[in-house]
Amino acid sequence: MKEQYIERYQRFFEMATIDRIEDMTISVYTDHLPKHFHVIKKDQFEVRLDINTLKIMSYKWQIDNKEMSSKDIKKIQQWIKSKNRKQKNISNKQAIEFAWDIMNEF
């Protein structure tokens, strides 16, 4: 049943917005390994961060070579450890991992 559901609806699961932190959007895409998530800062950049290490893997795009600041990285580090706003019984890291696993298992 699960396989049929994924096969039927996989085109709708290309991207999931997990949360927003001030002017940053945290998203997971139907994507490649290693497991990672995207942080989009409007009109500045989109960066890929490794789920486990939180290290910058690469920038998908940048405007005027803007990069993620140490202040932004600290916000992400604090956010990832905290409880998810929608599902209080899991952390934000668990929410990202769950979304990544569901979207990329096919």
N, C-alpha and C. Protein backbone atom coordinates (compact mmCIF):
# COMPACT_ATOMS: atom_id res chain seq x y z
N MET A 1 0.83 -1.20 0.00
CA MET A 1 0.00 0.00 0.00
C MET A 1 0.87 1.26 0.00
N LYS A 2 1.88 1.29 0.88
CA LYS A 2 2.75 2.45 0.97
C LYS A 2 3.45 2.72 -0.37
N GLU A 3 3.92 1.66 -1.03
CA GLU A 3 4.61 1.80 -2.31
C GLU A 3 3.67 2.38 -3.37
N GLN A 4 2.41 1.92 -3.38
CA GLN A 4 1.44 2.43 -4.34
C GLN A 4 1.17 3.91 -4.10
N TYR A 5 1.07 4.28 -2.84
CA TYR A 5 0.83 5.68 -2.48
C TYR A 5 1.99 6.55 -2.96
N ILE A 6 3.21 6.12 -2.67
CA ILE A 6 4.39 6.90 -3.07
C ILE A 6 4.47 6.99 -4.59
N GLU A 7 4.26 5.86 -5.27
CA GLU A 7 4.33 5.86 -6.73
C GLU A 7 3.28 6.80 -7.33
N ARG A 8 2.09 6.77 -6.77
CA ARG A 8 1.00 7.59 -7.30
C ARG A 8 1.20 9.08 -7.04
N TYR A 9 1.75 9.42 -5.88
CA TYR A 9 1.83 10.82 -5.48
C TYR A 9 3.24 11.40 -5.45
N GLN A 10 4.25 10.66 -5.86
CA GLN A 10 5.62 11.13 -5.71
C GLN A 10 5.85 12.47 -6.41
N ARG A 11 5.16 12.77 -7.48
CA ARG A 11 5.36 14.06 -8.15
C ARG A 11 4.95 15.25 -7.29
N PHE A 12 4.16 15.01 -6.24
CA PHE A 12 3.74 16.08 -5.35
C PHE A 12 4.74 16.30 -4.20
N PHE A 13 5.70 15.39 -4.07
CA PHE A 13 6.63 15.44 -2.95
C PHE A 13 8.00 15.94 -3.36
N GLU A 14 8.08 16.93 -4.18
CA GLU A 14 9.37 17.42 -4.64
C GLU A 14 10.05 18.31 -3.61
N MET A 15 9.26 18.95 -2.74
CA MET A 15 9.83 19.86 -1.75
C MET A 15 8.88 19.98 -0.57
N ALA A 16 9.45 20.02 0.63
CA ALA A 16 8.65 20.24 1.83
C ALA A 16 9.29 21.33 2.65
N THR A 17 8.52 22.33 3.02
CA THR A 17 9.01 23.37 3.92
C THR A 17 8.81 22.86 5.35
N ILE A 18 9.90 22.78 6.07
CA ILE A 18 9.87 22.26 7.44
C ILE A 18 9.55 23.37 8.44
N ASP A 19 10.17 24.54 8.25
CA ASP A 19 9.96 25.63 9.20
C ASP A 19 10.55 26.91 8.62
N ARG A 20 10.32 27.99 9.34
CA ARG A 20 10.93 29.28 9.01
C ARG A 20 11.55 29.84 10.28
N ILE A 21 12.76 30.37 10.13
CA ILE A 21 13.45 31.02 11.24
C ILE A 21 13.75 32.43 10.77
N GLU A 22 13.01 33.38 11.31
CA GLU A 22 13.14 34.77 10.89
C GLU A 22 13.07 34.87 9.37
N ASP A 23 14.16 35.24 8.70
CA ASP A 23 14.12 35.41 7.24
C ASP A 23 14.67 34.20 6.48
N MET A 24 14.78 33.05 7.17
CA MET A 24 15.30 31.83 6.54
C MET A 24 14.20 30.78 6.47
N THR A 25 14.15 30.05 5.37
CA THR A 25 13.22 28.95 5.18
C THR A 25 14.00 27.65 5.15
N ILE A 26 13.55 26.66 5.92
CA ILE A 26 14.19 25.35 5.99
C ILE A 26 13.35 24.40 5.14
N SER A 27 13.98 23.77 4.15
CA SER A 27 13.26 22.88 3.23
C SER A 27 14.02 21.59 2.99
N VAL A 28 13.26 20.57 2.61
CA VAL A 28 13.81 19.29 2.20
C VAL A 28 13.27 19.02 0.80
N TYR A 29 14.13 18.52 -0.07
CA TYR A 29 13.75 18.23 -1.45
C TYR A 29 13.87 16.74 -1.74
N THR A 30 13.21 16.29 -2.80
CA THR A 30 13.49 14.99 -3.38
C THR A 30 14.86 15.17 -3.99
N ASP A 31 15.87 14.53 -3.43
CA ASP A 31 17.24 14.94 -3.73
C ASP A 31 18.22 13.77 -3.66
N HIS A 32 19.47 14.07 -3.70
CA HIS A 32 20.57 13.11 -3.74
C HIS A 32 21.19 12.94 -2.35
N LEU A 33 21.94 11.86 -2.19
CA LEU A 33 22.72 11.65 -0.96
C LEU A 33 23.95 12.54 -0.98
N PRO A 34 24.56 12.85 0.14
CA PRO A 34 24.15 12.48 1.49
C PRO A 34 22.91 13.26 1.93
N LYS A 35 22.30 12.77 3.01
CA LYS A 35 21.10 13.43 3.52
C LYS A 35 21.44 14.87 3.90
N HIS A 36 20.59 15.77 3.44
CA HIS A 36 20.82 17.18 3.69
C HIS A 36 19.50 17.95 3.62
N PHE A 37 19.56 19.20 4.02
CA PHE A 37 18.41 20.08 3.90
C PHE A 37 18.89 21.41 3.34
N HIS A 38 17.94 22.21 2.92
CA HIS A 38 18.25 23.49 2.29
C HIS A 38 17.81 24.63 3.21
N VAL A 39 18.62 25.66 3.26
CA VAL A 39 18.27 26.88 3.96
C VAL A 39 18.26 27.98 2.89
N ILE A 40 17.11 28.63 2.77
CA ILE A 40 16.97 29.70 1.79
C ILE A 40 16.81 31.02 2.55
N LYS A 41 17.69 31.94 2.26
CA LYS A 41 17.58 33.28 2.83
C LYS A 41 17.21 34.19 1.67
N LYS A 42 16.01 34.72 1.74
CA LYS A 42 15.44 35.47 0.63
C LYS A 42 16.40 36.53 0.09
N ASP A 43 16.54 36.52 -1.23
CA ASP A 43 17.37 37.48 -1.97
C ASP A 43 18.85 37.43 -1.58
N GLN A 44 19.29 36.31 -0.96
CA GLN A 44 20.70 36.19 -0.61
C GLN A 44 21.32 34.88 -1.07
N PHE A 45 20.74 33.72 -0.65
CA PHE A 45 21.35 32.45 -1.01
C PHE A 45 20.41 31.29 -0.73
N GLU A 46 20.79 30.15 -1.29
CA GLU A 46 20.23 28.85 -0.91
C GLU A 46 21.41 27.93 -0.70
N VAL A 47 21.50 27.37 0.49
CA VAL A 47 22.64 26.55 0.87
C VAL A 47 22.16 25.15 1.27
N ARG A 48 22.99 24.16 0.97
CA ARG A 48 22.72 22.78 1.38
C ARG A 48 23.56 22.46 2.61
N LEU A 49 22.89 21.97 3.68
CA LEU A 49 23.58 21.62 4.91
C LEU A 49 23.41 20.14 5.19
N ASP A 50 24.48 19.47 5.57
CA ASP A 50 24.44 18.06 5.95
C ASP A 50 23.59 17.93 7.22
N ILE A 51 22.68 16.97 7.22
CA ILE A 51 21.78 16.79 8.37
C ILE A 51 22.54 16.47 9.65
N ASN A 52 23.56 15.65 9.56
CA ASN A 52 24.27 15.20 10.76
C ASN A 52 25.33 16.17 11.26
N THR A 53 26.08 16.77 10.36
CA THR A 53 27.19 17.63 10.78
C THR A 53 26.84 19.12 10.77
N LEU A 54 25.80 19.48 10.04
CA LEU A 54 25.40 20.87 9.81
C LEU A 54 26.45 21.66 9.04
N LYS A 55 27.36 20.96 8.40
CA LYS A 55 28.38 21.63 7.58
C LYS A 55 27.78 22.00 6.24
N ILE A 56 28.24 23.12 5.71
CA ILE A 56 27.79 23.57 4.40
C ILE A 56 28.35 22.62 3.35
N MET A 57 27.46 22.04 2.56
CA MET A 57 27.87 21.14 1.47
C MET A 57 28.15 21.97 0.22
N SER A 58 27.21 22.86 -0.09
CA SER A 58 27.36 23.71 -1.28
C SER A 58 26.26 24.76 -1.29
N TYR A 59 26.46 25.74 -2.12
CA TYR A 59 25.43 26.75 -2.36
C TYR A 59 24.73 26.40 -3.67
N LYS A 60 23.41 26.39 -3.63
CA LYS A 60 22.64 26.15 -4.86
C LYS A 60 22.65 27.42 -5.70
N TRP A 61 22.53 28.56 -5.03
CA TRP A 61 22.66 29.87 -5.69
C TRP A 61 23.01 30.92 -4.65
N GLN A 62 23.61 31.99 -5.13
CA GLN A 62 23.98 33.13 -4.28
C GLN A 62 23.77 34.42 -5.08
N ILE A 63 23.37 35.46 -4.41
CA ILE A 63 23.28 36.78 -5.03
C ILE A 63 24.42 37.61 -4.45
N ASP A 64 25.20 38.17 -5.34
CA ASP A 64 26.37 38.99 -4.94
C ASP A 64 27.31 38.23 -4.01
N ASN A 65 27.44 36.92 -4.22
CA ASN A 65 28.34 36.07 -3.43
C ASN A 65 28.06 36.09 -1.93
N LYS A 66 26.81 36.36 -1.56
CA LYS A 66 26.46 36.36 -0.13
C LYS A 66 26.54 34.94 0.40
N GLU A 67 27.04 34.82 1.63
CA GLU A 67 27.20 33.53 2.27
C GLU A 67 26.46 33.50 3.60
N MET A 68 26.29 32.31 4.09
CA MET A 68 25.64 32.13 5.38
C MET A 68 26.55 32.66 6.48
N SER A 69 26.03 33.54 7.29
CA SER A 69 26.84 34.15 8.35
C SER A 69 26.96 33.21 9.54
N SER A 70 27.92 33.47 10.40
CA SER A 70 28.07 32.67 11.62
C SER A 70 26.83 32.83 12.51
N LYS A 71 26.20 33.99 12.45
CA LYS A 71 24.97 34.24 13.21
C LYS A 71 23.84 33.33 12.70
N ASP A 72 23.73 33.20 11.37
CA ASP A 72 22.72 32.32 10.78
C ASP A 72 23.00 30.86 11.14
N ILE A 73 24.25 30.46 11.10
CA ILE A 73 24.63 29.08 11.43
C ILE A 73 24.26 28.78 12.89
N LYS A 74 24.51 29.72 13.79
CA LYS A 74 24.15 29.53 15.21
C LYS A 74 22.64 29.38 15.38
N LYS A 75 21.87 30.15 14.61
CA LYS A 75 20.41 30.04 14.67
C LYS A 75 19.97 28.65 14.23
N ILE A 76 20.58 28.14 13.17
CA ILE A 76 20.25 26.80 12.67
C ILE A 76 20.66 25.75 13.70
N GLN A 77 21.83 25.90 14.31
CA GLN A 77 22.29 24.95 15.32
C GLN A 77 21.33 24.89 16.51
N GLN A 78 20.86 26.03 16.95
CA GLN A 78 19.90 26.07 18.06
C GLN A 78 18.55 25.50 17.63
N TRP A 79 18.12 25.86 16.46
CA TRP A 79 16.82 25.42 15.95
C TRP A 79 16.78 23.90 15.80
N ILE A 80 17.83 23.30 15.25
CA ILE A 80 17.81 21.86 14.95
C ILE A 80 17.70 21.02 16.21
N LYS A 81 18.18 21.53 17.34
CA LYS A 81 18.11 20.81 18.61
C LYS A 81 16.76 20.96 19.29
N SER A 82 16.02 21.98 18.94
CA SER A 82 14.77 22.25 19.64
C SER A 82 13.62 21.40 19.12
N LYS A 83 12.53 21.40 19.87
CA LYS A 83 11.34 20.63 19.50
C LYS A 83 10.66 21.26 18.28
N ASN A 84 10.13 20.39 17.44
CA ASN A 84 9.41 20.85 16.27
C ASN A 84 8.11 21.53 16.69
N ARG A 85 7.78 22.65 16.06
CA ARG A 85 6.59 23.41 16.45
C ARG A 85 5.29 22.66 16.16
N LYS A 86 5.27 21.88 15.08
CA LYS A 86 4.05 21.16 14.69
C LYS A 86 3.91 19.83 15.40
N GLN A 87 5.03 19.14 15.59
CA GLN A 87 5.05 17.83 16.25
C GLN A 87 5.95 17.94 17.48
N LYS A 88 5.40 18.33 18.57
CA LYS A 88 6.18 18.63 19.79
C LYS A 88 6.96 17.45 20.35
N ASN A 89 6.59 16.22 19.96
CA ASN A 89 7.27 15.05 20.51
C ASN A 89 8.54 14.68 19.75
N ILE A 90 8.90 15.44 18.71
CA ILE A 90 10.14 15.18 17.98
C ILE A 90 10.95 16.48 17.84
N SER A 91 12.23 16.31 17.62
CA SER A 91 13.09 17.48 17.40
C SER A 91 13.01 17.92 15.94
N ASN A 92 13.50 19.10 15.65
CA ASN A 92 13.55 19.57 14.27
C ASN A 92 14.45 18.68 13.42
N LYS A 93 15.54 18.18 14.02
CA LYS A 93 16.40 17.26 13.27
C LYS A 93 15.63 16.01 12.88
N GLN A 94 14.85 15.47 13.79
CA GLN A 94 14.05 14.28 13.48
C GLN A 94 13.01 14.59 12.39
N ALA A 95 12.44 15.78 12.43
CA ALA A 95 11.46 16.17 11.41
C ALA A 95 12.12 16.22 10.02
N ILE A 96 13.32 16.77 9.96
CA ILE A 96 14.06 16.83 8.69
C ILE A 96 14.39 15.42 8.21
N GLU A 97 14.90 14.58 9.10
CA GLU A 97 15.26 13.21 8.72
C GLU A 97 14.04 12.44 8.23
N PHE A 98 12.93 12.59 8.93
CA PHE A 98 11.70 11.90 8.54
C PHE A 98 11.25 12.36 7.15
N ALA A 99 11.22 13.67 6.93
CA ALA A 99 10.80 14.19 5.63
C ALA A 99 11.75 13.71 4.53
N TRP A 100 13.04 13.74 4.80
CA TRP A 100 14.02 13.31 3.80
C TRP A 100 13.82 11.84 3.45
N ASP A 101 13.65 11.01 4.48
CA ASP A 101 13.47 9.57 4.26
C ASP A 101 12.21 9.28 3.46
N ILE A 102 11.11 9.90 3.80
CA ILE A 102 9.85 9.68 3.09
C ILE A 102 9.96 10.14 1.64
N MET A 103 10.55 11.29 1.43
CA MET A 103 10.60 11.87 0.07
C MET A 103 11.62 11.19 -0.83
N ASN A 104 12.59 10.51 -0.25
CA ASN A 104 13.68 9.95 -1.06
C ASN A 104 13.77 8.43 -1.01
N GLU A 105 12.71 7.76 -0.59
CA GLU A 105 12.80 6.31 -0.49
C GLU A 105 12.45 5.58 -1.78
N PHE A 106 11.98 6.30 -2.78
CA PHE A 106 11.60 5.61 -4.02
C PHE A 106 12.69 5.59 -5.04
